Protein backbone atom coordinates (compact mmCIF):
# COMPACT_ATOMS: atom_id res chain seq x y z
CA MET A 1 -84.35 92.56 -59.94
CA ALA A 2 -85.60 96.12 -60.45
CA ALA A 3 -87.62 97.46 -57.41
CA GLU A 4 -91.26 98.22 -57.95
CA ARG A 5 -92.19 101.88 -58.79
CA LEU A 6 -93.52 104.00 -56.18
CA PHE A 7 -97.15 104.96 -56.81
CA ILE A 8 -97.18 108.59 -55.30
CA ALA A 9 -99.92 110.77 -56.86
CA ARG A 10 -102.96 110.58 -59.51
CA GLY A 11 -104.10 112.92 -61.81
CA GLU A 12 -104.87 112.37 -65.54
CA LYS A 13 -102.64 109.70 -65.03
CA ASP A 14 -100.55 107.86 -62.29
CA LEU A 15 -97.37 109.41 -61.12
CA TYR A 16 -94.52 107.19 -59.87
CA ILE A 17 -91.11 107.41 -58.50
CA LEU A 18 -88.60 104.97 -60.19
CA PRO A 19 -86.58 103.64 -57.14
CA LYS A 20 -83.51 103.88 -59.69
CA MET A 21 -83.76 107.47 -60.06
CA ALA A 22 -84.65 108.22 -56.47
CA ASN A 23 -80.99 108.93 -55.35
CA ARG A 24 -81.05 112.12 -57.84
CA HIS A 25 -82.67 113.91 -55.00
CA GLY A 26 -85.82 115.71 -54.75
CA MET A 27 -87.80 118.81 -53.23
CA ILE A 28 -91.29 119.15 -51.68
CA ALA A 29 -92.20 122.82 -51.48
CA GLY A 30 -95.21 124.63 -50.68
CA ALA A 31 -96.80 127.27 -48.37
CA THR A 32 -97.81 126.30 -44.48
CA GLY A 33 -100.69 123.92 -44.49
CA THR A 34 -100.88 122.88 -48.12
CA GLY A 35 -99.80 119.15 -47.70
CA LYS A 36 -95.94 119.13 -47.43
CA THR A 37 -95.55 117.13 -44.33
CA VAL A 38 -98.51 114.17 -45.64
CA SER A 39 -96.31 114.24 -49.15
CA LEU A 40 -93.54 113.56 -46.98
CA GLN A 41 -95.19 110.97 -45.26
CA VAL A 42 -96.20 109.18 -48.29
CA LEU A 43 -92.93 109.14 -49.80
CA ALA A 44 -91.30 107.41 -46.76
CA GLU A 45 -93.93 104.83 -46.56
CA ASN A 46 -93.20 103.96 -49.97
CA PHE A 47 -89.55 103.82 -49.62
CA SER A 48 -89.66 101.71 -46.41
CA ARG A 49 -91.97 99.27 -48.19
CA ILE A 50 -89.57 98.47 -50.83
CA GLY A 51 -86.88 97.91 -48.09
CA VAL A 52 -85.03 101.39 -48.30
CA PRO A 53 -84.16 102.85 -44.66
CA VAL A 54 -85.34 106.62 -44.41
CA PHE A 55 -84.15 109.51 -42.04
CA VAL A 56 -86.47 112.49 -41.35
CA ALA A 57 -86.45 115.22 -39.02
CA ASP A 58 -89.65 115.81 -37.37
CA VAL A 59 -89.82 119.69 -36.64
CA LYS A 60 -93.53 120.07 -35.58
CA GLY A 61 -94.26 116.35 -34.25
CA ASP A 62 -96.31 115.47 -36.75
CA LEU A 63 -94.74 112.49 -38.43
CA ALA A 64 -94.69 110.18 -35.19
CA GLY A 65 -98.36 108.84 -36.60
CA ILE A 66 -96.56 106.84 -39.08
CA SER A 67 -95.45 104.17 -36.68
CA ARG A 68 -99.33 103.46 -36.24
CA PRO A 69 -101.89 102.47 -38.64
CA GLY A 70 -104.23 105.07 -40.22
CA GLU A 71 -107.95 105.58 -38.96
CA PRO A 72 -110.55 105.76 -41.69
CA THR A 73 -111.75 109.44 -41.01
CA PRO A 74 -114.50 110.95 -43.26
CA LYS A 75 -111.83 112.97 -44.71
CA LEU A 76 -109.49 110.38 -45.62
CA GLN A 77 -112.42 107.92 -46.93
CA GLU A 78 -113.44 110.94 -49.18
CA ARG A 79 -109.87 111.07 -50.52
CA ILE A 80 -109.66 107.28 -50.91
CA HIS A 81 -112.90 107.20 -52.88
CA LEU A 82 -112.18 110.11 -55.22
CA LEU A 83 -108.92 108.55 -56.18
CA LYS A 84 -110.66 105.14 -56.62
CA LEU A 85 -107.96 103.24 -54.39
CA GLU A 86 -109.93 100.02 -54.20
CA ASP A 87 -107.23 97.90 -52.67
CA PHE A 88 -106.19 100.76 -50.15
CA ALA A 89 -105.42 99.30 -46.47
CA PHE A 90 -104.08 101.09 -43.57
CA SER A 91 -100.64 99.97 -42.11
CA ALA A 92 -97.83 101.28 -39.84
CA SER A 93 -94.14 101.54 -40.60
CA PRO A 94 -91.47 100.32 -38.78
CA VAL A 95 -89.89 103.43 -36.98
CA THR A 96 -86.89 104.27 -34.71
CA PHE A 97 -87.24 107.53 -32.67
CA TRP A 98 -83.99 109.57 -32.06
CA ASP A 99 -83.69 112.80 -30.09
CA ALA A 100 -80.59 115.00 -29.91
CA PHE A 101 -81.74 115.63 -26.07
CA GLY A 102 -82.45 112.00 -25.36
CA GLU A 103 -85.88 112.80 -24.15
CA GLN A 104 -88.29 111.23 -26.75
CA GLY A 105 -85.93 108.86 -28.46
CA HIS A 106 -82.45 107.22 -28.58
CA PRO A 107 -79.82 110.04 -27.89
CA VAL A 108 -77.92 111.32 -31.07
CA ARG A 109 -74.27 112.02 -30.41
CA THR A 110 -71.12 112.79 -32.45
CA THR A 111 -67.86 113.79 -31.12
CA VAL A 112 -66.44 117.22 -31.14
CA SER A 113 -63.76 115.99 -33.40
CA ASP A 114 -66.05 114.53 -35.98
CA MET A 115 -68.03 117.77 -36.21
CA GLY A 116 -64.67 119.59 -36.99
CA PRO A 117 -63.90 123.23 -37.01
CA LEU A 118 -65.83 124.37 -40.02
CA LEU A 119 -69.36 123.00 -38.77
CA PHE A 120 -68.27 124.34 -35.27
CA SER A 121 -67.62 127.68 -36.68
CA ARG A 122 -70.96 127.84 -38.36
CA LEU A 123 -72.70 126.61 -35.11
CA LEU A 124 -71.19 129.29 -33.01
CA ASN A 125 -71.50 131.97 -35.68
CA LEU A 126 -68.03 133.01 -35.93
CA ASN A 127 -66.48 135.15 -38.35
CA GLU A 128 -63.55 134.55 -40.36
CA VAL A 129 -60.85 135.27 -38.08
CA GLN A 130 -62.51 133.54 -35.30
CA SER A 131 -62.99 130.51 -37.47
CA GLY A 132 -59.39 130.64 -38.20
CA VAL A 133 -58.50 130.53 -34.40
CA LEU A 134 -60.92 127.78 -33.66
CA SER A 135 -59.16 125.91 -36.25
CA LEU A 136 -55.59 126.13 -34.65
CA VAL A 137 -57.29 125.03 -31.41
CA PHE A 138 -58.29 121.80 -33.49
CA ARG A 139 -54.92 121.65 -34.91
CA VAL A 140 -53.07 121.91 -31.57
CA ALA A 141 -55.15 119.39 -30.01
CA ASP A 142 -54.16 116.99 -32.97
CA ASP A 143 -50.72 117.40 -32.58
CA ASN A 144 -50.54 116.83 -29.10
CA GLY A 145 -52.55 113.68 -29.10
CA LEU A 146 -55.60 115.41 -27.01
CA LEU A 147 -58.76 113.67 -28.19
CA LEU A 148 -61.67 116.13 -28.76
CA LEU A 149 -64.55 113.97 -27.79
CA ASP A 150 -66.91 115.93 -25.68
CA PHE A 151 -67.99 119.44 -24.91
CA LYS A 152 -65.63 119.95 -21.90
CA ASP A 153 -62.76 118.51 -24.03
CA LEU A 154 -63.10 121.72 -26.21
CA ARG A 155 -63.66 124.28 -23.73
CA ALA A 156 -60.52 122.97 -21.90
CA MET A 157 -58.61 123.16 -25.17
CA VAL A 158 -59.92 126.73 -26.01
CA GLN A 159 -58.85 127.90 -22.39
CA TYR A 160 -55.54 126.14 -23.18
CA ALA A 161 -54.82 127.93 -26.35
CA GLY A 162 -55.94 131.14 -24.88
CA ASP A 163 -53.57 130.94 -21.91
CA HIS A 164 -50.36 129.71 -23.96
CA ALA A 165 -51.02 131.97 -27.28
CA ASP A 166 -47.37 133.18 -27.49
CA GLU A 167 -46.22 129.76 -27.18
CA PHE A 168 -48.12 128.64 -30.20
CA GLU A 169 -47.59 132.14 -32.39
CA THR A 170 -44.56 130.92 -34.08
CA GLU A 171 -45.77 127.53 -35.26
CA TYR A 172 -49.59 127.93 -35.50
CA GLY A 173 -49.83 131.80 -36.00
CA ARG A 174 -51.43 134.47 -34.02
CA VAL A 175 -53.96 133.73 -31.30
CA SER A 176 -56.18 136.53 -30.97
CA THR A 177 -57.44 137.07 -27.28
CA ALA A 178 -60.50 138.51 -28.42
CA SER A 179 -61.28 135.46 -30.73
CA ILE A 180 -60.60 133.19 -27.76
CA GLY A 181 -63.16 135.31 -25.82
CA ALA A 182 -65.74 135.12 -28.57
CA ILE A 183 -65.45 131.37 -28.93
CA GLN A 184 -65.72 130.99 -25.26
CA ARG A 185 -69.05 133.24 -25.08
CA GLY A 186 -70.38 131.16 -28.22
CA LEU A 187 -69.67 127.80 -26.33
CA LEU A 188 -71.13 128.85 -22.86
CA ALA A 189 -74.39 129.97 -24.95
CA LEU A 190 -74.62 126.83 -26.90
CA GLU A 191 -74.28 124.97 -23.51
CA GLU A 192 -76.99 126.92 -21.78
CA GLN A 193 -79.29 125.86 -24.88
CA GLY A 194 -78.47 122.33 -24.32
CA GLY A 195 -76.27 122.04 -27.14
CA ASP A 196 -73.29 120.35 -25.14
CA ARG A 197 -75.53 117.17 -24.98
CA ILE A 198 -75.03 115.97 -28.25
CA PHE A 199 -71.29 115.78 -28.12
CA GLY A 200 -69.79 112.62 -26.64
CA GLU A 201 -69.75 108.86 -27.04
CA PRO A 202 -71.21 106.56 -27.96
CA SER A 203 -71.34 108.55 -31.35
CA LEU A 204 -74.35 107.64 -33.79
CA ASN A 205 -73.55 104.71 -35.77
CA LEU A 206 -74.56 105.30 -39.26
CA ASP A 207 -75.19 101.38 -39.63
CA ASP A 208 -77.76 101.76 -37.02
CA LEU A 209 -79.79 104.30 -39.51
CA MET A 210 -79.86 101.86 -42.32
CA GLN A 211 -81.69 98.85 -40.74
CA THR A 212 -84.63 96.75 -42.10
CA ASP A 213 -87.28 95.07 -40.15
CA GLU A 214 -87.97 91.19 -40.13
CA ARG A 215 -90.48 91.95 -43.10
CA GLY A 216 -87.65 93.47 -45.10
CA ARG A 217 -89.19 97.17 -44.72
CA GLY A 218 -86.56 99.80 -44.41
CA MET A 219 -86.45 101.42 -41.14
CA ILE A 220 -88.00 105.18 -40.93
CA ASN A 221 -85.54 106.94 -38.37
CA ILE A 222 -87.28 109.90 -37.15
CA LEU A 223 -85.36 112.49 -35.47
CA VAL A 224 -87.40 114.48 -32.83
CA ALA A 225 -86.75 118.05 -33.45
CA ASP A 226 -89.52 120.25 -32.20
CA LYS A 227 -87.30 121.25 -29.12
CA LEU A 228 -84.07 121.35 -31.13
CA MET A 229 -85.61 123.66 -33.65
CA LEU A 230 -85.54 126.00 -30.90
CA THR A 231 -82.01 126.40 -31.54
CA PRO A 232 -82.20 126.63 -35.32
CA MET A 233 -78.42 126.77 -36.01
CA LEU A 234 -77.64 123.57 -34.06
CA TYR A 235 -80.56 121.77 -35.73
CA ALA A 236 -78.91 122.85 -39.27
CA THR A 237 -75.50 121.83 -38.14
CA LEU A 238 -76.52 118.38 -36.92
CA LEU A 239 -78.12 117.74 -40.33
CA LEU A 240 -75.15 118.90 -42.15
CA TRP A 241 -72.82 116.61 -39.97
CA LEU A 242 -75.20 113.64 -41.15
CA LEU A 243 -74.86 114.29 -44.53
CA ALA A 244 -71.15 114.72 -44.44
CA GLU A 245 -70.71 111.52 -42.37
CA LEU A 246 -72.71 109.74 -44.87
CA PHE A 247 -70.62 111.06 -47.65
CA GLU A 248 -67.29 110.25 -46.21
CA LYS A 249 -68.11 106.58 -45.02
CA LEU A 250 -70.30 105.11 -47.38
CA PRO A 251 -68.60 103.41 -50.48
CA GLU A 252 -69.30 104.31 -54.10
CA VAL A 253 -72.23 101.97 -55.57
CA GLY A 254 -72.89 104.13 -58.59
CA ASP A 255 -76.65 103.97 -59.75
CA PRO A 256 -78.05 101.16 -57.65
CA GLU A 257 -81.46 99.54 -58.35
CA LYS A 258 -82.93 101.60 -55.47
CA PRO A 259 -81.39 103.62 -52.82
CA LYS A 260 -79.30 102.53 -49.76
CA LEU A 261 -80.80 105.35 -47.65
CA VAL A 262 -83.16 108.47 -48.33
CA LEU A 263 -82.80 111.56 -46.30
CA PHE A 264 -85.60 114.24 -45.75
CA PHE A 265 -84.38 117.67 -44.61
CA ASP A 266 -87.45 119.63 -43.38
CA GLU A 267 -87.11 123.45 -42.84
CA ALA A 268 -84.35 123.09 -45.45
CA HIS A 269 -83.70 126.93 -45.40
CA LEU A 270 -82.10 126.68 -42.08
CA LEU A 271 -79.19 124.62 -43.86
CA PHE A 272 -78.20 127.67 -46.21
CA THR A 273 -79.24 130.56 -44.45
CA ASP A 274 -76.41 133.13 -43.43
CA ALA A 275 -73.95 130.09 -44.20
CA PRO A 276 -70.41 131.49 -45.27
CA GLN A 277 -69.63 130.79 -49.05
CA VAL A 278 -67.10 128.04 -48.04
CA LEU A 279 -69.75 125.95 -46.42
CA LEU A 280 -72.00 126.49 -49.32
CA GLN A 281 -69.56 125.33 -51.71
CA LYS A 282 -69.03 122.27 -49.50
CA ILE A 283 -72.90 121.45 -49.00
CA GLU A 284 -73.28 121.64 -53.07
CA GLN A 285 -70.34 119.48 -53.45
CA VAL A 286 -71.49 116.59 -51.03
CA VAL A 287 -75.19 117.07 -52.38
CA ARG A 288 -73.83 116.43 -55.89
CA LEU A 289 -71.44 113.33 -55.15
CA ILE A 290 -73.55 111.54 -52.46
CA ARG A 291 -75.87 110.23 -55.01
CA SER A 292 -73.00 107.74 -56.17
CA LYS A 293 -73.19 106.64 -52.59
CA GLY A 294 -76.66 105.34 -53.14
CA VAL A 295 -78.18 108.04 -50.82
CA GLY A 296 -80.95 110.33 -51.71
CA VAL A 297 -81.79 113.76 -50.25
CA TYR A 298 -84.87 115.61 -50.51
CA PHE A 299 -85.41 119.03 -49.06
CA ILE A 300 -88.63 120.33 -47.59
CA SER A 301 -89.12 124.22 -47.81
CA GLN A 302 -91.98 126.73 -48.04
CA ASN A 303 -90.14 128.44 -50.91
CA PRO A 304 -88.07 127.08 -53.50
CA LEU A 305 -85.83 130.31 -53.61
CA ASP A 306 -84.84 129.23 -50.05
CA ILE A 307 -82.44 126.50 -51.87
CA PRO A 308 -79.63 127.93 -53.99
CA ASP A 309 -79.72 127.62 -57.41
CA ILE A 310 -76.65 125.20 -57.93
CA THR A 311 -78.18 123.07 -55.44
CA LEU A 312 -81.80 123.16 -56.62
CA THR A 313 -80.64 122.05 -60.12
CA GLN A 314 -79.60 118.72 -58.65
CA LEU A 315 -83.50 117.86 -57.34
CA GLY A 316 -85.06 115.83 -60.00
CA ASN A 317 -87.89 114.74 -58.18
CA ARG A 318 -90.36 117.63 -57.35
CA ILE A 319 -93.67 117.95 -55.58
CA GLN A 320 -94.83 121.43 -55.64
CA HIS A 321 -98.00 122.47 -53.38
CA ALA A 322 -99.51 125.62 -53.50
CA LEU A 323 -97.66 128.87 -52.91
CA ARG A 324 -99.14 132.52 -51.97
CA ALA A 325 -98.14 135.49 -53.73
CA PHE A 326 -98.73 138.51 -51.62
CA THR A 327 -95.39 140.05 -51.74
CA PRO A 328 -92.84 140.83 -54.92
CA ARG A 329 -90.75 137.92 -53.22
CA ASP A 330 -93.62 135.65 -53.36
CA GLN A 331 -94.36 136.53 -56.92
CA ARG A 332 -90.76 135.62 -57.95
CA ALA A 333 -90.90 132.39 -56.03
CA VAL A 334 -93.82 131.20 -58.18
CA GLN A 335 -92.18 132.22 -61.10
CA ALA A 336 -89.12 130.52 -60.00
CA ALA A 337 -91.20 127.30 -59.10
CA ALA A 338 -92.85 127.38 -62.62
CA GLU A 339 -89.61 127.75 -64.68
CA THR A 340 -88.09 124.69 -62.92
CA PHE A 341 -90.69 122.04 -64.45
CA ARG A 342 -90.79 120.51 -67.73
CA GLN A 343 -93.62 122.50 -69.40
CA ASN A 344 -97.07 121.04 -69.88
CA PRO A 345 -99.03 122.81 -72.85
CA LYS A 346 -102.31 121.73 -70.72
CA ILE A 347 -101.19 123.77 -67.78
CA HIS A 348 -100.28 127.32 -67.00
CA ILE A 349 -98.02 126.53 -64.19
CA GLU A 350 -97.85 129.88 -62.52
CA THR A 351 -101.57 130.01 -62.24
CA ALA A 352 -101.84 126.57 -61.28
CA ILE A 353 -99.41 126.89 -58.52
CA LEU A 354 -101.92 129.42 -56.79
CA GLU A 355 -104.80 127.55 -57.43
CA LEU A 356 -103.68 124.16 -55.73
CA ARG A 357 -105.75 122.76 -53.22
CA VAL A 358 -104.54 120.97 -49.86
CA GLY A 359 -102.91 117.85 -50.78
CA GLU A 360 -102.80 118.61 -54.66
CA GLY A 361 -99.47 119.27 -56.27
CA LEU A 362 -97.57 119.76 -59.54
CA VAL A 363 -95.36 116.89 -60.00
CA SER A 364 -92.52 115.88 -61.88
CA PHE A 365 -90.42 112.51 -61.36
CA LEU A 366 -87.56 111.51 -63.20
CA ASP A 367 -87.96 108.97 -66.02
CA GLU A 368 -85.96 105.64 -66.78
CA ASN A 369 -83.60 108.13 -68.68
CA GLY A 370 -83.02 110.42 -65.74
CA GLN A 371 -84.83 113.14 -67.54
CA PRO A 372 -87.64 115.01 -65.63
CA GLY A 373 -91.05 114.10 -66.55
CA ILE A 374 -93.68 116.76 -67.97
CA VAL A 375 -95.39 118.40 -64.99
CA GLU A 376 -98.61 117.19 -63.83
CA ARG A 377 -101.33 118.41 -61.71
CA ALA A 378 -102.32 115.74 -59.35
CA LEU A 379 -103.74 114.57 -55.88
CA ILE A 380 -101.05 113.24 -53.70
CA LEU A 381 -102.31 109.65 -52.27
CA PRO A 382 -103.17 109.56 -48.95
CA PRO A 383 -100.92 107.99 -46.12
CA LYS A 384 -101.37 104.39 -45.08
CA SER A 385 -100.39 105.22 -41.55
CA ARG A 386 -101.68 107.82 -38.85
CA ILE A 387 -101.75 111.53 -39.74
CA GLY A 388 -100.44 113.54 -36.82
CA PRO A 389 -98.62 112.99 -33.48
CA ILE A 390 -99.07 109.94 -31.05
CA SER A 391 -99.44 109.66 -27.10
CA GLY A 392 -96.28 109.58 -25.08
CA GLU A 393 -97.07 106.02 -24.04
CA GLU A 394 -97.25 105.11 -27.78
CA ARG A 395 -93.94 106.65 -28.26
CA GLN A 396 -92.01 105.06 -25.24
CA GLN A 397 -93.51 101.74 -26.41
CA VAL A 398 -91.40 102.07 -29.86
CA VAL A 399 -88.41 103.06 -28.17
CA ARG A 400 -88.17 100.46 -25.76
CA GLN A 401 -88.94 97.66 -28.49
CA SER A 402 -86.19 99.44 -30.51
CA LEU A 403 -83.04 97.14 -31.58
CA VAL A 404 -80.50 99.87 -30.43
CA TYR A 405 -82.51 100.48 -27.06
CA GLY A 406 -80.13 100.72 -24.30
CA HIS A 407 -76.92 101.26 -26.52
CA TYR A 408 -77.21 105.13 -26.73
CA GLU A 409 -78.74 105.74 -23.35
CA ARG A 410 -75.31 104.78 -21.62
CA MET A 411 -73.17 107.61 -22.11
CA ILE A 412 -69.45 106.91 -22.24
CA ASP A 413 -66.69 109.25 -20.76
CA ARG A 414 -63.16 107.90 -21.48
CA ASP A 415 -60.24 109.91 -20.94
CA SER A 416 -59.65 112.73 -23.50
CA ALA A 417 -58.42 116.02 -23.94
CA TYR A 418 -60.02 117.41 -20.24
CA GLU A 419 -59.02 114.30 -18.41
CA MET A 420 -55.43 113.98 -20.09
CA LEU A 421 -54.74 117.93 -19.32
CA LYS A 422 -55.93 117.44 -15.62
CA ALA A 423 -53.84 114.17 -15.05
CA ARG A 424 -50.63 116.27 -16.20
CA ALA A 425 -51.72 119.35 -14.21
CA ASP A 426 -51.89 117.09 -11.16
CA LYS A 427 -48.49 115.50 -11.92
CA ALA A 428 -47.03 118.87 -12.31
CA ALA A 429 -48.49 120.14 -8.91
CA GLN A 430 -47.30 116.88 -7.22
CA LEU A 431 -43.66 117.48 -8.45
CA GLN A 432 -43.91 121.14 -7.32
CA GLU A 433 -44.99 120.02 -4.01
CA GLN A 434 -42.05 117.29 -3.64
CA GLU A 435 -39.59 120.19 -4.90
CA ARG A 436 -40.78 122.44 -2.04
CA THR A 437 -40.44 119.52 0.56
CA PHE A 438 -37.04 118.58 -0.69
CA ARG A 439 -35.67 122.49 -0.58
CA GLU A 440 -37.12 123.07 3.01
CA GLN A 441 -35.85 119.51 4.35
CA THR A 442 -32.78 119.42 2.79
CA PHE A 443 -31.58 123.03 2.64
CA ASN A 444 -33.92 124.71 4.92
CA ILE A 445 -34.84 127.01 2.26
CA PRO A 446 -38.46 127.88 2.37
CA VAL A 447 -39.95 128.22 -1.02
CA PRO A 448 -41.42 131.92 -1.62
CA GLN A 449 -45.06 132.07 -1.73
CA ALA A 450 -46.79 133.38 -5.10
CA PRO A 451 -47.17 136.96 -5.18
CA ARG A 452 -50.65 138.28 -4.24
CA ARG A 453 -53.10 138.89 -7.16
CA PRO A 454 -54.04 142.64 -7.61
CA THR A 455 -57.19 143.65 -5.69
CA GLY A 456 -60.31 142.88 -7.69
CA ARG A 457 -58.61 139.93 -10.01
CA PRO A 458 -60.35 136.79 -9.80
CA ARG A 459 -58.63 133.57 -8.74
CA ASP A 460 -57.65 131.22 -11.33
CA THR A 461 -60.35 128.47 -11.83
CA LEU A 462 -59.60 124.76 -11.70
CA LEU A 463 -59.29 124.64 -15.36
CA GLU A 464 -57.18 127.70 -15.71
CA ALA A 465 -54.60 126.26 -12.88
CA MET A 466 -54.75 122.92 -14.75
CA ALA A 467 -54.19 124.10 -18.17
CA LYS A 468 -51.16 126.42 -16.71
CA SER A 469 -49.65 123.91 -14.89
CA ALA A 470 -49.79 121.59 -17.70
CA ALA A 471 -48.17 123.88 -20.19
CA ARG A 472 -44.54 122.79 -20.15
CA SER A 473 -45.41 119.09 -20.50
CA VAL A 474 -48.11 119.17 -23.01
CA GLY A 475 -45.95 121.00 -25.48
CA SER A 476 -43.49 118.23 -25.59
CA GLN A 477 -45.92 115.42 -26.14
CA ILE A 478 -46.53 113.82 -29.58
CA GLY A 479 -49.81 111.56 -29.31
CA ARG A 480 -51.75 109.82 -31.94
CA GLN A 481 -53.41 112.36 -34.51
CA VAL A 482 -57.08 113.14 -34.13
CA LEU A 483 -58.65 113.59 -37.41
CA ARG A 484 -61.60 115.90 -38.93
CA GLY A 485 -64.86 114.77 -40.49
CA VAL A 486 -65.65 115.35 -44.08
CA LEU A 487 -66.43 119.03 -44.09
CA GLY A 488 -63.27 119.68 -42.19
CA SER A 489 -61.20 117.05 -44.15
CA ILE A 490 -62.04 118.76 -47.72
CA LEU A 491 -60.32 121.80 -46.15
CA GLY A 492 -57.13 119.70 -45.53
CA GLY A 493 -58.36 117.83 -42.06
CA ARG A 494 -57.73 114.36 -41.40
CA ARG A 495 -59.56 111.44 -39.67
CA SER A 496 -58.57 108.86 -37.21
């Protein structure tokens, strides 16, 4: 049975998104303060109502109100009257809050291995040579059965690879000391920003994003991202990881009657800014192919030029709010936005984009044949839920009532690379002590003390001593493979 159409806007005619075409992706664009967030909220509510789960990043804290019924303010009442919405009723939507830092929602975690070297290189802003060295570190961990789960695992492996670069050169290639240093500095900076907290277990189970409530409404998963946005690269990398995981793990479903999941990526330009060409190609590939998994991706951005052309052409459902044209680049953006619509002889699109009022947009949705509809100038419907933030007490009430409450709050720290190296180091130290005791007691031969370090050279840290002591034993161990996430597997990695 086909899902009902989603009523989104009203102009000279009513404008609907067809659920069967919702996985053909979309975009909401416009300058600050023109109504993008409210348009996003209206789309999310409608998808939820027909049983489609939603994931949305809330970068300003304005979307939390979707968990509460709206209030009949004079401004909303005016819009309802203007649009002649006679059966309009305020209502809340089911919401689950997530937070990379675990402060205002359930913690969102992934493992270092699942993130993979390609995304980690982007996260640490590494150049090509440094990225190659990081890939080598991941490969050494794979080949030696050393699980990379949390942040300390990766730091231990980078240190280990640097200390034993000569041993790896023949099999893996040259390990540049300068590159190891750059990676270590990047990891330290990321840790100081709190980025280490998103790595570990339990990692996010994608099934928990694809739930419905007791009334069959899709769960709206809100990633609390106001603090996360202080580290834009971490924000972008986390969203790209999520997109990649969905692409890899979900089965092919073709063109379903409605999406299995819809993602809204706010501040979408961060996904593409300064991304290396190889990553841009992978993003384009994933966006192009993920629709066959029943996933719709909607980019939210101030400027259509923020989205690469090859990705922009895949965004079939569009709402364009007002743009400002103060600079030559702004003027190009207006022209580019106008050129992407199917022309309407009644509208001069470039002029209309500059004239649109708050909450008004140029709207074009895909028709039943998958063709873009003729662009229409229309008012976006008001949301049925509250516009704006909610109180901390209201938020915590939603968190405590969640079905996953208590699961992600308990972090698991099982044996992985750090613990395995430390155990081997402890064993090596114990054997050395036994050898020393045996020689002294049996042959009365004292074991020479290690030479003094040159003046000014710092003592080995515990991790350095551990890694150096474990070098010989680690090199001979073949453990189970630790396999990469999709943005790594496309490049030849593997997954456990």
